[in-house]
Protein backbone atom coordinates (compact mmCIF):
# COMPACT_ATOMS: atom_id res chain seq x y z
CA MET A 1 0.00 0.00 0.00
CA THR A 2 1.41 3.40 -0.94
CA ALA A 3 1.35 6.46 1.24
CA PRO A 4 -1.01 9.23 0.19
CA SER A 5 0.64 12.03 -1.70
CA GLU A 6 1.12 15.47 -0.23
CA THR A 7 -1.56 16.71 -2.63
CA ASP A 8 -4.03 14.06 -1.42
CA PHE A 9 -3.25 14.91 2.18
CA ARG A 10 -3.78 18.63 1.63
CA ALA A 11 -7.03 18.00 -0.23
CA ARG A 12 -8.33 15.86 2.63
CA LEU A 13 -7.28 18.46 5.19
CA ALA A 14 -8.97 21.20 3.17
CA ALA A 15 -12.17 19.14 3.08
CA LEU A 16 -11.99 18.68 6.85
CA ASN A 17 -11.47 22.42 7.28
CA VAL A 18 -14.63 23.09 5.28
CA LYS A 19 -16.52 20.51 7.32
CA PHE A 20 -15.32 22.08 10.57
CA ALA A 21 -16.27 25.57 9.33
CA ALA A 22 -19.80 24.33 8.69
CA THR A 23 -20.11 23.27 12.35
CA VAL A 24 -18.98 26.59 13.82
CA PRO A 25 -22.39 28.34 13.80
CA ALA A 26 -24.11 25.44 15.57
CA THR A 27 -21.28 25.16 18.08
CA MET A 28 -21.44 28.89 18.81
CA ALA A 29 -25.21 28.56 19.30
CA LYS A 30 -24.58 25.79 21.84
CA ILE A 31 -22.07 28.01 23.64
CA ALA A 32 -24.61 30.85 23.67
CA GLN A 33 -27.22 28.51 25.15
CA ALA A 34 -24.78 27.23 27.78
CA LEU A 35 -24.01 30.83 28.75
CA ALA A 36 -27.74 31.59 28.98
CA ASP A 37 -28.23 28.49 31.13
CA CYS A 38 -25.43 29.64 33.46
CA ARG A 39 -27.02 33.05 33.79
CA SER A 40 -30.49 31.69 34.45
CA SER A 41 -29.28 29.15 36.99
CA SER A 42 -27.45 31.68 39.10
CA ASP A 43 -29.78 34.71 39.37
CA GLY A 44 -26.81 37.07 39.01
CA ALA A 45 -24.50 35.11 41.30
CA THR A 46 -21.64 32.87 40.27
CA PRO A 47 -23.03 29.69 38.69
CA THR A 48 -22.21 26.37 40.29
CA ALA A 49 -19.53 24.14 38.84
CA ALA A 50 -22.26 21.82 37.60
CA ALA A 51 -23.96 24.69 35.76
CA LEU A 52 -20.64 25.81 34.28
CA HIS A 53 -19.66 22.34 33.11
CA PRO A 54 -21.47 22.42 29.71
CA LEU A 55 -20.00 25.84 28.90
CA HIS A 56 -16.54 24.61 29.85
CA GLU A 57 -16.89 21.44 27.76
CA LEU A 58 -18.01 23.34 24.66
CA LEU A 59 -15.19 25.86 24.94
CA HIS A 60 -12.74 23.02 25.55
CA GLY A 61 -13.91 21.26 22.39
CA VAL A 62 -13.44 24.37 20.28
CA ALA A 63 -10.07 25.07 21.88
CA GLY A 64 -8.87 21.58 21.12
CA SER A 65 -9.99 21.31 17.52
CA ALA A 66 -10.18 24.77 15.95
CA GLY A 67 -6.47 25.22 15.39
CA THR A 68 -6.16 21.89 13.63
CA PHE A 69 -8.70 22.98 11.05
CA GLY A 70 -7.34 26.44 10.28
CA PHE A 71 -9.11 28.43 12.99
CA ALA A 72 -6.13 29.15 15.25
CA THR A 73 -7.42 32.42 16.69
CA LEU A 74 -10.82 30.93 17.47
CA GLY A 75 -9.12 28.06 19.24
CA ARG A 76 -6.80 30.35 21.18
CA GLU A 77 -9.63 32.60 22.37
CA ALA A 78 -11.82 29.63 23.30
CA ARG A 79 -8.89 28.21 25.30
CA ARG A 80 -8.36 31.50 27.11
CA ILE A 81 -12.00 31.67 28.18
CA GLU A 82 -12.14 27.95 28.93
CA GLN A 83 -9.27 28.36 31.39
CA GLN A 84 -11.10 31.19 33.12
CA VAL A 85 -14.26 29.09 33.36
CA ARG A 86 -12.19 26.26 34.84
CA THR A 87 -10.90 28.67 37.50
CA VAL A 88 -14.46 29.68 38.35
CA MET A 89 -15.44 26.03 38.60
CA LYS A 90 -12.53 25.37 40.95
CA ASP A 91 -12.38 28.55 43.03
CA GLY A 92 -15.83 30.09 42.59
CA THR A 93 -14.26 33.43 41.62
CA GLY A 94 -13.96 35.41 38.40
CA TRP A 95 -17.39 34.80 36.86
CA ASP A 96 -18.25 38.48 36.40
CA ALA A 97 -15.87 38.94 33.45
CA ILE A 98 -16.75 35.74 31.62
CA PRO A 99 -20.20 36.48 30.14
CA ALA A 100 -18.94 39.55 28.29
CA GLN A 101 -15.93 37.62 27.00
CA VAL A 102 -18.13 34.78 25.74
CA GLU A 103 -20.44 37.29 24.06
CA GLN A 104 -17.45 38.95 22.40
CA LEU A 105 -16.25 35.55 21.16
CA LEU A 106 -19.70 34.75 19.79
CA ALA A 107 -20.01 38.10 17.99
CA TRP A 108 -16.51 37.78 16.53
CA ALA A 109 -17.12 34.19 15.40
CA ALA A 110 -20.37 35.26 13.73
CA ARG A 111 -18.39 37.74 11.62
CA ASP A 112 -15.41 35.57 10.64
CA PRO A 113 -14.33 32.62 12.78
CA ALA A 114 -11.30 32.05 10.56
CA ALA A 115 -9.98 35.60 11.06
CA LEU A 116 -6.39 35.83 12.18
CA GLU A 117 -7.03 38.64 14.67
CA PHE A 118 -9.53 38.67 17.49
CA ASN A 119 -11.24 42.04 17.79
């Protein structure tokens, strides 16, 4: 059996990038829902670790896969927020800044999730 050529490999990777890009809007919608669930479960206070878990898992998934498929900035920003959520889950502090950061990520991703700069 022969190894795939560089051209075949790049074509397959490009196809996977397109497939990943198609999932971004649904994933961002899930993150938005997880954020809304955190807000509604806490009545303005810091959500519990259990309430934060779905948000953390979604951000973790994006952080782990986005860079592989050509969305390095999206992955980096998701990782940054994911780490902050993890701190809240562990220490119960720092929640106040997270909703705005998630909203900024969602708005940015709606414009161009493959952009090289986060703004």
